[in-house]
């Protein structure tokens, strides 16, 4: 367990020092390969079947997991280095902060058009018509949700199943982001991807939500989680965003445009409307939650020893 903690810390330090790899990032390559497989299997709506979606998922995920298992066969110092670098590739704290801070910087310069453009890079909703509060809400929601998807979920599965587990989680999460839409194209083809992501995220999402609550406004976070999460369409994102919004004591959620259609979504959190400074507060919440996780892991290690 001690080596596991040191590996996580080292990967986080690498991420903090170097951020996202700009060239030849494995996740980017995985996404391109997934798009290729999708084009080969999906030749029209009549081909949007769950079986083809399962075939596509297996075609791109199984090789990744096998690669992770092969890496686990390497022991000694080289094996530890591989674990550190591999986990670094699947953790995205600095990438998330870079994109979020870019939105906050544009808002600080009163450049709403640039802020809309930048938030459009990290959310799936239509950003062209968002006002300042809409931009802030979209950014904070993305930070809170991706705190689980890009950080805590990957760490959880690394603890449970090593590098293969972390690879599997990020691959499943990426495919859900690409294929897990309830659209005419992906409602059947992306069904399996969405279900796997829901399953793999169930425990990490709730641990992330609890972490947000413990390091933020605890009572407000737990109340928001209890009363609002069930109203969200996603069984995991709702938990994370409701608890996170409550922890920050800000109001998130509400109606938003997706692919030109207005979708009614529940209000999340409590307190004041979110403002630009809440973007940094959300990132700080994630950092405090990370320290909580590391402290908890250290405590468990000491108890077991």
C-alpha atoms as a PDB file:
ATOM      1  CA  UNK A   1       0.000   0.000   0.000  1.00  0.00           C
ATOM      2  CA  UNK A   2       2.922   2.338   0.730  1.00  0.00           C
ATOM      3  CA  UNK A   3       4.219   1.855  -2.813  1.00  0.00           C
ATOM      4  CA  UNK A   4       0.720   2.515  -4.149  1.00  0.00           C
ATOM      5  CA  UNK A   5       0.561   5.854  -2.305  1.00  0.00           C
ATOM      6  CA  UNK A   6       4.023   6.854  -3.508  1.00  0.00           C
ATOM      7  CA  UNK A   7       3.049   5.964  -7.088  1.00  0.00           C
ATOM      8  CA  UNK A   8      -0.102   8.104  -6.893  1.00  0.00           C
ATOM      9  CA  UNK A   9       1.804  11.041  -5.403  1.00  0.00           C
ATOM     10  CA  UNK A  10       4.536  10.766  -8.032  1.00  0.00           C
ATOM     11  CA  UNK A  11       1.958  10.646 -10.851  1.00  0.00           C
ATOM     12  CA  UNK A  12       0.178  13.702  -9.437  1.00  0.00           C
ATOM     13  CA  UNK A  13       3.491  15.559  -9.188  1.00  0.00           C
ATOM     14  CA  UNK A  14       4.284  14.685 -12.808  1.00  0.00           C
ATOM     15  CA  UNK A  15       0.866  15.958 -13.817  1.00  0.00           C
ATOM     16  CA  UNK A  16       1.394  19.165 -11.843  1.00  0.00           C
ATOM     17  CA  UNK A  17       4.863  19.698 -13.316  1.00  0.00           C
ATOM     18  CA  UNK A  18       4.203  18.869 -16.962  1.00  0.00           C
ATOM     19  CA  UNK A  19       0.433  18.938 -17.389  1.00  0.00           C
ATOM     20  CA  UNK A  20      -1.148  17.204 -20.345  1.00  0.00           C
ATOM     21  CA  UNK A  21       1.171  15.688 -22.943  1.00  0.00           C
ATOM     22  CA  UNK A  22       0.871  17.928 -26.003  1.00  0.00           C
ATOM     23  CA  UNK A  23       1.989  15.440 -28.626  1.00  0.00           C
ATOM     24  CA  UNK A  24       1.105  11.771 -28.971  1.00  0.00           C
ATOM     25  CA  UNK A  25      -1.101  11.612 -25.877  1.00  0.00           C
ATOM     26  CA  UNK A  26      -2.355   8.021 -25.433  1.00  0.00           C
ATOM     27  CA  UNK A  27      -5.942   9.150 -24.775  1.00  0.00           C
ATOM     28  CA  UNK A  28      -5.952  11.195 -27.981  1.00  0.00           C
ATOM     29  CA  UNK A  29      -4.702   8.173 -29.896  1.00  0.00           C
ATOM     30  CA  UNK A  30      -7.320   6.016 -28.203  1.00  0.00           C
ATOM     31  CA  UNK A  31     -10.026   8.478 -29.221  1.00  0.00           C
ATOM     32  CA  UNK A  32      -8.903   8.459 -32.862  1.00  0.00           C
ATOM     33  CA  UNK A  33      -8.793   4.670 -32.929  1.00  0.00           C
ATOM     34  CA  UNK A  34     -12.272   4.547 -31.380  1.00  0.00           C
ATOM     35  CA  UNK A  35     -13.576   6.910 -34.067  1.00  0.00           C
ATOM     36  CA  UNK A  36     -12.111   4.641 -36.739  1.00  0.00           C
ATOM     37  CA  UNK A  37     -13.801   1.580 -35.228  1.00  0.00           C
ATOM     38  CA  UNK A  38     -17.069   3.498 -35.020  1.00  0.00           C
ATOM     39  CA  UNK A  39     -16.895   4.394 -38.712  1.00  0.00           C
ATOM     40  CA  UNK A  40     -16.215   0.767 -39.635  1.00  0.00           C
ATOM     41  CA  UNK A  41     -19.127  -0.586 -37.603  1.00  0.00           C
ATOM     42  CA  UNK A  42     -21.641   2.224 -38.014  1.00  0.00           C
ATOM     43  CA  UNK A  43     -22.816   2.577 -41.609  1.00  0.00           C
ATOM     44  CA  UNK A  44     -26.215   4.164 -40.926  1.00  0.00           C
ATOM     45  CA  UNK A  45     -28.983   4.177 -38.349  1.00  0.00           C
ATOM     46  CA  UNK A  46     -29.987   0.613 -39.214  1.00  0.00           C
ATOM     47  CA  UNK A  47     -26.541  -0.427 -37.973  1.00  0.00           C
ATOM     48  CA  UNK A  48     -26.974   1.320 -34.605  1.00  0.00           C
ATOM     49  CA  UNK A  49     -27.395  -1.882 -32.614  1.00  0.00           C
ATOM     50  CA  UNK A  50     -26.291  -2.865 -29.136  1.00  0.00           C
ATOM     51  CA  UNK A  51     -24.365  -5.811 -30.543  1.00  0.00           C
ATOM     52  CA  UNK A  52     -22.305  -3.560 -32.804  1.00  0.00           C
ATOM     53  CA  UNK A  53     -21.740  -1.194 -29.890  1.00  0.00           C
ATOM     54  CA  UNK A  54     -20.523  -4.113 -27.767  1.00  0.00           C
ATOM     55  CA  UNK A  55     -18.226  -5.221 -30.599  1.00  0.00           C
ATOM     56  CA  UNK A  56     -16.854  -1.694 -30.923  1.00  0.00           C
ATOM     57  CA  UNK A  57     -16.309  -1.368 -27.174  1.00  0.00           C
ATOM     58  CA  UNK A  58     -14.475  -4.676 -26.979  1.00  0.00           C
ATOM     59  CA  UNK A  59     -12.380  -3.907 -30.061  1.00  0.00           C
ATOM     60  CA  UNK A  60     -10.861  -0.793 -28.518  1.00  0.00           C
ATOM     61  CA  UNK A  61     -10.913  -1.529 -24.778  1.00  0.00           C
ATOM     62  CA  UNK A  62      -9.677  -5.121 -24.592  1.00  0.00           C
ATOM     63  CA  UNK A  63      -6.298  -4.327 -26.251  1.00  0.00           C
ATOM     64  CA  UNK A  64      -5.803  -1.468 -23.788  1.00  0.00           C
ATOM     65  CA  UNK A  65      -6.461  -3.732 -20.795  1.00  0.00           C
ATOM     66  CA  UNK A  66      -4.199  -6.466 -22.194  1.00  0.00           C
ATOM     67  CA  UNK A  67      -1.448  -3.875 -22.649  1.00  0.00           C
ATOM     68  CA  UNK A  68      -1.916  -2.814 -19.019  1.00  0.00           C
ATOM     69  CA  UNK A  69      -1.745  -6.443 -17.867  1.00  0.00           C
ATOM     70  CA  UNK A  70       1.483  -6.981 -19.802  1.00  0.00           C
ATOM     71  CA  UNK A  71       2.993  -3.908 -18.171  1.00  0.00           C
ATOM     72  CA  UNK A  72       2.090  -5.387 -14.770  1.00  0.00           C
ATOM     73  CA  UNK A  73       4.445  -8.277 -15.502  1.00  0.00           C
ATOM     74  CA  UNK A  74       7.416  -5.912 -15.262  1.00  0.00           C
ATOM     75  CA  UNK A  75       8.768  -5.836 -11.709  1.00  0.00           C
ATOM     76  CA  UNK A  76      11.375  -3.854  -9.841  1.00  0.00           C
ATOM     77  CA  UNK A  77      12.234  -0.215 -10.333  1.00  0.00           C
ATOM     78  CA  UNK A  78      11.245  -0.260 -14.004  1.00  0.00           C
ATOM     79  CA  UNK A  79       7.824  -1.603 -13.067  1.00  0.00           C
ATOM     80  CA  UNK A  80       7.314   1.208 -10.559  1.00  0.00           C
ATOM     81  CA  UNK A  81       8.352   3.818 -13.129  1.00  0.00           C
ATOM     82  CA  UNK A  82       5.900   2.336 -15.641  1.00  0.00           C
ATOM     83  CA  UNK A  83       3.094   2.522 -13.064  1.00  0.00           C
ATOM     84  CA  UNK A  84       3.902   6.164 -12.329  1.00  0.00           C
ATOM     85  CA  UNK A  85       4.037   7.186 -15.986  1.00  0.00           C
ATOM     86  CA  UNK A  86       0.960   5.130 -16.868  1.00  0.00           C
ATOM     87  CA  UNK A  87      -1.091   6.697 -14.082  1.00  0.00           C
ATOM     88  CA  UNK A  88       0.192  10.135 -15.082  1.00  0.00           C
ATOM     89  CA  UNK A  89      -1.217   9.597 -18.571  1.00  0.00           C
ATOM     90  CA  UNK A  90      -4.721   8.830 -17.261  1.00  0.00           C
ATOM     91  CA  UNK A  91      -4.896  11.588 -14.622  1.00  0.00           C
ATOM     92  CA  UNK A  92      -6.053  14.951 -15.929  1.00  0.00           C
ATOM     93  CA  UNK A  93      -6.002  17.429 -13.065  1.00  0.00           C
ATOM     94  CA  UNK A  94      -3.726  19.963 -14.760  1.00  0.00           C
ATOM     95  CA  UNK A  95      -5.498  19.697 -18.097  1.00  0.00           C
ATOM     96  CA  UNK A  96      -8.791  20.367 -16.334  1.00  0.00           C
ATOM     97  CA  UNK A  97      -7.302  23.350 -14.486  1.00  0.00           C
ATOM     98  CA  UNK A  98      -5.772  24.767 -17.668  1.00  0.00           C
ATOM     99  CA  UNK A  99      -9.096  24.766 -19.512  1.00  0.00           C
ATOM    100  CA  UNK A 100     -11.057  26.065 -16.525  1.00  0.00           C
ATOM    101  CA  UNK A 101      -8.567  28.836 -15.748  1.00  0.00           C
ATOM    102  CA  UNK A 102      -8.660  29.908 -19.401  1.00  0.00           C
ATOM    103  CA  UNK A 103     -12.412  30.490 -19.092  1.00  0.00           C
ATOM    104  CA  UNK A 104     -11.989  32.409 -15.843  1.00  0.00           C
ATOM    105  CA  UNK A 105      -9.239  34.545 -17.407  1.00  0.00           C
ATOM    106  CA  UNK A 106     -11.494  35.458 -20.346  1.00  0.00           C
ATOM    107  CA  UNK A 107     -14.271  36.445 -17.957  1.00  0.00           C
ATOM    108  CA  UNK A 108     -11.836  38.560 -15.934  1.00  0.00           C
ATOM    109  CA  UNK A 109     -11.029  40.423 -19.169  1.00  0.00           C
ATOM    110  CA  UNK A 110     -14.769  40.888 -19.821  1.00  0.00           C
ATOM    111  CA  UNK A 111     -14.386  38.916 -23.047  1.00  0.00           C
ATOM    112  CA  UNK A 112     -17.598  36.898 -23.034  1.00  0.00           C
ATOM    113  CA  UNK A 113     -17.134  35.669 -26.616  1.00  0.00           C
ATOM    114  CA  UNK A 114     -13.737  34.175 -25.796  1.00  0.00           C
ATOM    115  CA  UNK A 115     -15.139  32.689 -22.590  1.00  0.00           C
ATOM    116  CA  UNK A 116     -17.940  31.027 -24.581  1.00  0.00           C
ATOM    117  CA  UNK A 117     -15.417  29.647 -27.045  1.00  0.00           C
ATOM    118  CA  UNK A 118     -13.212  28.264 -24.291  1.00  0.00           C
ATOM    119  CA  UNK A 119     -16.021  26.688 -22.277  1.00  0.00           C
ATOM    120  CA  UNK A 120     -17.264  25.097 -25.498  1.00  0.00           C
ATOM    121  CA  UNK A 121     -14.041  23.075 -25.522  1.00  0.00           C
ATOM    122  CA  UNK A 122     -14.892  21.293 -22.256  1.00  0.00           C
ATOM    123  CA  UNK A 123     -18.697  20.931 -22.290  1.00  0.00           C
ATOM    124  CA  UNK A 124     -21.185  19.337 -24.670  1.00  0.00           C
ATOM    125  CA  UNK A 125     -23.893  21.994 -24.314  1.00  0.00           C
ATOM    126  CA  UNK A 126     -24.255  24.799 -26.851  1.00  0.00           C
ATOM    127  CA  UNK A 127     -22.085  27.648 -25.578  1.00  0.00           C
ATOM    128  CA  UNK A 128     -22.560  30.349 -28.237  1.00  0.00           C
ATOM    129  CA  UNK A 129     -25.502  32.031 -26.486  1.00  0.00           C
ATOM    130  CA  UNK A 130     -24.468  31.595 -22.842  1.00  0.00           C
ATOM    131  CA  UNK A 131     -24.422  34.661 -20.611  1.00  0.00           C
ATOM    132  CA  UNK A 132     -21.710  35.068 -17.966  1.00  0.00           C
ATOM    133  CA  UNK A 133     -23.564  33.048 -15.340  1.00  0.00           C
ATOM    134  CA  UNK A 134     -24.215  30.328 -17.904  1.00  0.00           C
ATOM    135  CA  UNK A 135     -20.517  30.175 -18.783  1.00  0.00           C
ATOM    136  CA  UNK A 136     -19.550  29.988 -15.117  1.00  0.00           C
ATOM    137  CA  UNK A 137     -22.121  27.293 -14.330  1.00  0.00           C
ATOM    138  CA  UNK A 138     -21.015  25.177 -17.273  1.00  0.00           C
ATOM    139  CA  UNK A 139     -17.360  25.491 -16.255  1.00  0.00           C
ATOM    140  CA  UNK A 140     -17.887  24.730 -12.565  1.00  0.00           C
ATOM    141  CA  UNK A 141     -20.115  21.756 -13.392  1.00  0.00           C
ATOM    142  CA  UNK A 142     -17.442  20.430 -15.750  1.00  0.00           C
ATOM    143  CA  UNK A 143     -14.730  20.864 -13.119  1.00  0.00           C
ATOM    144  CA  UNK A 144     -16.761  19.040 -10.475  1.00  0.00           C
ATOM    145  CA  UNK A 145     -17.804  16.175 -12.745  1.00  0.00           C
ATOM    146  CA  UNK A 146     -14.348  15.743 -14.267  1.00  0.00           C
ATOM    147  CA  UNK A 147     -12.849  15.756 -10.807  1.00  0.00           C
ATOM    148  CA  UNK A 148     -14.326  12.281 -10.626  1.00  0.00           C
ATOM    149  CA  UNK A 149     -13.862  11.241 -14.252  1.00  0.00           C
ATOM    150  CA  UNK A 150     -10.308  12.486 -14.763  1.00  0.00           C
ATOM    151  CA  UNK A 151      -8.856  12.216 -11.260  1.00  0.00           C
ATOM    152  CA  UNK A 152     -10.581  10.337  -8.446  1.00  0.00           C
ATOM    153  CA  UNK A 153     -12.098   7.580 -10.582  1.00  0.00           C
ATOM    154  CA  UNK A 154      -8.727   6.787 -12.144  1.00  0.00           C
ATOM    155  CA  UNK A 155      -7.035   6.774  -8.735  1.00  0.00           C
ATOM    156  CA  UNK A 156      -9.756   4.529  -7.275  1.00  0.00           C
ATOM    157  CA  UNK A 157      -9.395   1.928 -10.008  1.00  0.00           C
ATOM    158  CA  UNK A 158      -5.599   2.091  -9.789  1.00  0.00           C
ATOM    159  CA  UNK A 159      -5.873   1.250  -6.083  1.00  0.00           C
ATOM    160  CA  UNK A 160      -8.324  -1.587  -6.783  1.00  0.00           C
ATOM    161  CA  UNK A 161      -6.810  -3.146  -9.906  1.00  0.00           C
ATOM    162  CA  UNK A 162      -3.499  -1.463 -10.634  1.00  0.00           C
ATOM    163  CA  UNK A 163      -2.612   0.015 -14.004  1.00  0.00           C
ATOM    164  CA  UNK A 164      -5.019  -2.278 -15.945  1.00  0.00           C
ATOM    165  CA  UNK A 165      -7.866  -0.992 -13.781  1.00  0.00           C
ATOM    166  CA  UNK A 166      -6.937   2.639 -14.353  1.00  0.00           C
ATOM    167  CA  UNK A 167      -6.604   2.026 -18.103  1.00  0.00           C
ATOM    168  CA  UNK A 168      -9.964   0.244 -18.213  1.00  0.00           C
ATOM    169  CA  UNK A 169     -11.683   3.062 -16.336  1.00  0.00           C
ATOM    170  CA  UNK A 170     -10.338   5.836 -18.548  1.00  0.00           C
ATOM    171  CA  UNK A 171     -11.042   3.867 -21.711  1.00  0.00           C
ATOM    172  CA  UNK A 172     -14.618   3.181 -20.607  1.00  0.00           C
ATOM    173  CA  UNK A 173     -15.071   6.804 -19.572  1.00  0.00           C
ATOM    174  CA  UNK A 174     -13.729   8.081 -22.888  1.00  0.00           C
ATOM    175  CA  UNK A 175     -16.040   5.817 -24.888  1.00  0.00           C
ATOM    176  CA  UNK A 176     -19.013   6.955 -22.841  1.00  0.00           C
ATOM    177  CA  UNK A 177     -18.111  10.559 -23.682  1.00  0.00           C
ATOM    178  CA  UNK A 178     -17.882   9.633 -27.378  1.00  0.00           C
ATOM    179  CA  UNK A 179     -20.724   7.126 -27.777  1.00  0.00           C
ATOM    180  CA  UNK A 180     -22.932   7.358 -24.696  1.00  0.00           C
ATOM    181  CA  UNK A 181     -25.504   9.804 -26.088  1.00  0.00           C
ATOM    182  CA  UNK A 182     -29.245   9.202 -26.275  1.00  0.00           C
ATOM    183  CA  UNK A 183     -29.382  10.332 -29.890  1.00  0.00           C
ATOM    184  CA  UNK A 184     -30.668   8.532 -32.961  1.00  0.00           C
ATOM    185  CA  UNK A 185     -27.084   7.656 -33.837  1.00  0.00           C
ATOM    186  CA  UNK A 186     -25.904   6.399 -30.462  1.00  0.00           C
ATOM    187  CA  UNK A 187     -29.007   5.365 -28.477  1.00  0.00           C
ATOM    188  CA  UNK A 188     -28.343   1.699 -29.306  1.00  0.00           C
ATOM    189  CA  UNK A 189     -24.719   1.737 -30.487  1.00  0.00           C
ATOM    190  CA  UNK A 190     -23.573   3.559 -27.342  1.00  0.00           C
ATOM    191  CA  UNK A 191     -25.816   1.668 -24.904  1.00  0.00           C
ATOM    192  CA  UNK A 192     -23.130  -0.744 -23.695  1.00  0.00           C
ATOM    193  CA  UNK A 193     -20.526   2.012 -23.334  1.00  0.00           C
ATOM    194  CA  UNK A 194     -22.895   4.073 -21.192  1.00  0.00           C
ATOM    195  CA  UNK A 195     -23.819   1.106 -18.962  1.00  0.00           C
ATOM    196  CA  UNK A 196     -20.184   0.120 -18.347  1.00  0.00           C
ATOM    197  CA  UNK A 197     -19.277   3.702 -17.464  1.00  0.00           C
ATOM    198  CA  UNK A 198     -22.243   3.929 -15.077  1.00  0.00           C
ATOM    199  CA  UNK A 199     -21.132   0.725 -13.373  1.00  0.00           C
ATOM    200  CA  UNK A 200     -17.448   1.614 -13.086  1.00  0.00           C
ATOM    201  CA  UNK A 201     -18.248   5.113 -11.839  1.00  0.00           C
ATOM    202  CA  UNK A 202     -20.804   4.135  -9.197  1.00  0.00           C
ATOM    203  CA  UNK A 203     -18.419   3.816  -6.249  1.00  0.00           C
ATOM    204  CA  UNK A 204     -15.856   6.483  -7.306  1.00  0.00           C
ATOM    205  CA  UNK A 205     -18.614   9.048  -7.891  1.00  0.00           C
ATOM    206  CA  UNK A 206     -19.983   8.580  -4.393  1.00  0.00           C
ATOM    207  CA  UNK A 207     -16.545   8.670  -2.814  1.00  0.00           C
ATOM    208  CA  UNK A 208     -15.848  11.870  -4.755  1.00  0.00           C
ATOM    209  CA  UNK A 209     -19.147  13.389  -3.642  1.00  0.00           C
ATOM    210  CA  UNK A 210     -18.415  12.453  -0.029  1.00  0.00           C
ATOM    211  CA  UNK A 211     -14.938  13.967  -0.337  1.00  0.00           C
ATOM    212  CA  UNK A 212     -16.387  17.224  -1.673  1.00  0.00           C
ATOM    213  CA  UNK A 213     -18.772  17.271   1.263  1.00  0.00           C
ATOM    214  CA  UNK A 214     -16.079  16.642   3.872  1.00  0.00           C
ATOM    215  CA  UNK A 215     -13.719  19.357   2.611  1.00  0.00           C
ATOM    216  CA  UNK A 216     -16.431  21.904   1.733  1.00  0.00           C
ATOM    217  CA  UNK A 217     -19.686  23.084   3.291  1.00  0.00           C
ATOM    218  CA  UNK A 218     -20.567  19.646   4.654  1.00  0.00           C
ATOM    219  CA  UNK A 219     -24.195  20.140   5.650  1.00  0.00           C
ATOM    220  CA  UNK A 220     -25.141  21.933   2.426  1.00  0.00           C
ATOM    221  CA  UNK A 221     -23.324  19.327   0.328  1.00  0.00           C
ATOM    222  CA  UNK A 222     -25.020  16.368   2.000  1.00  0.00           C
ATOM    223  CA  UNK A 223     -28.428  18.043   1.794  1.00  0.00           C
ATOM    224  CA  UNK A 224     -27.978  18.830  -1.905  1.00  0.00           C
ATOM    225  CA  UNK A 225     -26.815  15.280  -2.558  1.00  0.00           C
ATOM    226  CA  UNK A 226     -29.799  13.804  -0.733  1.00  0.00           C
ATOM    227  CA  UNK A 227     -32.476  16.040  -2.250  1.00  0.00           C
ATOM    228  CA  UNK A 228     -31.208  16.844  -5.758  1.00  0.00           C
ATOM    229  CA  UNK A 229     -29.005  14.057  -7.133  1.00  0.00           C
ATOM    230  CA  UNK A 230     -31.893  11.703  -7.883  1.00  0.00           C
ATOM    231  CA  UNK A 231     -33.472  14.315 -10.159  1.00  0.00           C
ATOM    232  CA  UNK A 232     -30.489  14.173 -12.521  1.00  0.00           C
ATOM    233  CA  UNK A 233     -30.497  11.906 -15.551  1.00  0.00           C
ATOM    234  CA  UNK A 234     -27.039  10.516 -14.832  1.00  0.00           C
ATOM    235  CA  UNK A 235     -26.857   8.273 -11.738  1.00  0.00           C
ATOM    236  CA  UNK A 236     -23.268   9.380 -11.090  1.00  0.00           C
ATOM    237  CA  UNK A 237     -22.778  12.901 -12.455  1.00  0.00           C
ATOM    238  CA  UNK A 238     -25.807  14.093 -10.497  1.00  0.00           C
ATOM    239  CA  UNK A 239     -24.329  12.843  -7.232  1.00  0.00           C
ATOM    240  CA  UNK A 240     -20.972  14.504  -7.869  1.00  0.00           C
ATOM    241  CA  UNK A 241     -22.334  17.840  -9.108  1.00  0.00           C
ATOM    242  CA  UNK A 242     -25.056  18.135  -6.456  1.00  0.00           C
ATOM    243  CA  UNK A 243     -22.604  17.467  -3.628  1.00  0.00           C
ATOM    244  CA  UNK A 244     -19.978  19.714  -5.222  1.00  0.00           C
ATOM    245  CA  UNK A 245     -22.403  22.590  -5.714  1.00  0.00           C
ATOM    246  CA  UNK A 246     -23.542  22.253  -2.118  1.00  0.00           C
ATOM    247  CA  UNK A 247     -19.945  22.102  -0.899  1.00  0.00           C
ATOM    248  CA  UNK A 248     -19.280  25.398  -2.705  1.00  0.00           C
ATOM    249  CA  UNK A 249     -22.663  26.807  -1.619  1.00  0.00           C
ATOM    250  CA  UNK A 250     -23.515  27.979  -5.134  1.00  0.00           C
ATOM    251  CA  UNK A 251     -26.410  27.334  -7.494  1.00  0.00           C
ATOM    252  CA  UNK A 252     -25.697  25.254 -10.579  1.00  0.00           C
ATOM    253  CA  UNK A 253     -27.830  23.287 -13.030  1.00  0.00           C
ATOM    254  CA  UNK A 254     -30.980  24.532 -14.731  1.00  0.00           C
ATOM    255  CA  UNK A 255     -32.073  24.559 -18.367  1.00  0.00           C
ATOM    256  CA  UNK A 256     -29.395  24.426 -21.072  1.00  0.00           C
ATOM    257  CA  UNK A 257     -29.189  24.074 -24.847  1.00  0.00           C
ATOM    258  CA  UNK A 258     -27.870  20.791 -26.251  1.00  0.00           C
ATOM    259  CA  UNK A 259     -27.593  20.433 -30.022  1.00  0.00           C
ATOM    260  CA  UNK A 260     -30.127  23.212 -30.474  1.00  0.00           C
ATOM    261  CA  UNK A 261     -32.713  21.755 -28.086  1.00  0.00           C
ATOM    262  CA  UNK A 262     -33.504  23.269 -24.680  1.00  0.00           C
ATOM    263  CA  UNK A 263     -33.256  20.624 -21.970  1.00  0.00           C
ATOM    264  CA  UNK A 264     -34.693  21.194 -18.520  1.00  0.00           C
ATOM    265  CA  UNK A 265     -32.304  20.097 -15.818  1.00  0.00           C
ATOM    266  CA  UNK A 266     -32.683  20.314 -12.036  1.00  0.00           C
ATOM    267  CA  UNK A 267     -31.155  23.071  -9.972  1.00  0.00           C
ATOM    268  CA  UNK A 268     -28.154  21.873  -8.005  1.00  0.00           C
ATOM    269  CA  UNK A 269     -26.609  23.270  -4.851  1.00  0.00           C
ATOM    270  CA  UNK A 270     -27.756  26.219  -2.801  1.00  0.00           C
ATOM    271  CA  UNK A 271     -26.813  29.771  -1.918  1.00  0.00           C
ATOM    272  CA  UNK A 272     -25.764  32.444  -4.405  1.00  0.00           C
ATOM    273  CA  UNK A 273     -25.521  32.326  -8.183  1.00  0.00           C
ATOM    274  CA  UNK A 274     -22.128  31.084  -9.346  1.00  0.00           C
ATOM    275  CA  UNK A 275     -19.621  33.795 -10.299  1.00  0.00           C
ATOM    276  CA  UNK A 276     -16.245  33.663 -12.055  1.00  0.00           C
ATOM    277  CA  UNK A 277     -14.270  33.237  -8.815  1.00  0.00           C
ATOM    278  CA  UNK A 278     -16.163  30.007  -8.147  1.00  0.00           C
ATOM    279  CA  UNK A 279     -14.184  28.339 -10.945  1.00  0.00           C
ATOM    280  CA  UNK A 280     -10.995  28.645  -8.880  1.00  0.00           C
ATOM    281  CA  UNK A 281     -12.931  27.602  -5.775  1.00  0.00           C
ATOM    282  CA  UNK A 282     -14.046  24.423  -7.542  1.00  0.00           C
ATOM    283  CA  UNK A 283     -10.457  23.579  -8.484  1.00  0.00           C
ATOM    284  CA  UNK A 284      -9.387  24.261  -4.910  1.00  0.00           C
ATOM    285  CA  UNK A 285     -12.141  21.927  -3.691  1.00  0.00           C
ATOM    286  CA  UNK A 286     -10.665  19.157  -5.834  1.00  0.00           C
ATOM    287  CA  UNK A 287      -7.181  19.789  -4.435  1.00  0.00           C
ATOM    288  CA  UNK A 288      -8.463  19.605  -0.850  1.00  0.00           C
ATOM    289  CA  UNK A 289     -10.303  16.393  -1.692  1.00  0.00           C
ATOM    290  CA  UNK A 290      -7.079  14.964  -3.149  1.00  0.00           C
ATOM    291  CA  UNK A 291      -5.263  15.704   0.099  1.00  0.00           C
ATOM    292  CA  UNK A 292      -8.099  13.981   1.956  1.00  0.00           C
ATOM    293  CA  UNK A 293      -7.717  10.878  -0.210  1.00  0.00           C
ATOM    294  CA  UNK A 294      -3.962  10.769   0.297  1.00  0.00           C
ATOM    295  CA  UNK A 295      -4.388  11.238   4.032  1.00  0.00           C
ATOM    296  CA  UNK A 296      -6.979   8.458   4.187  1.00  0.00           C
ATOM    297  CA  UNK A 297      -4.728   6.100   2.207  1.00  0.00           C
ATOM    298  CA  UNK A 298      -1.822   6.873   4.518  1.00  0.00           C
ATOM    299  CA  UNK A 299      -3.997   6.227   7.576  1.00  0.00           C
ATOM    300  CA  UNK A 300      -5.158   2.868   6.185  1.00  0.00           C
ATOM    301  CA  UNK A 301      -1.550   1.922   5.428  1.00  0.00           C
ATOM    302  CA  UNK A 302      -0.424   2.735   8.963  1.00  0.00           C
ATOM    303  CA  UNK A 303      -3.327   0.782  10.451  1.00  0.00           C
ATOM    304  CA  UNK A 304      -2.626  -2.288   8.310  1.00  0.00           C
ATOM    305  CA  UNK A 305       1.052  -2.191   9.260  1.00  0.00           C
END
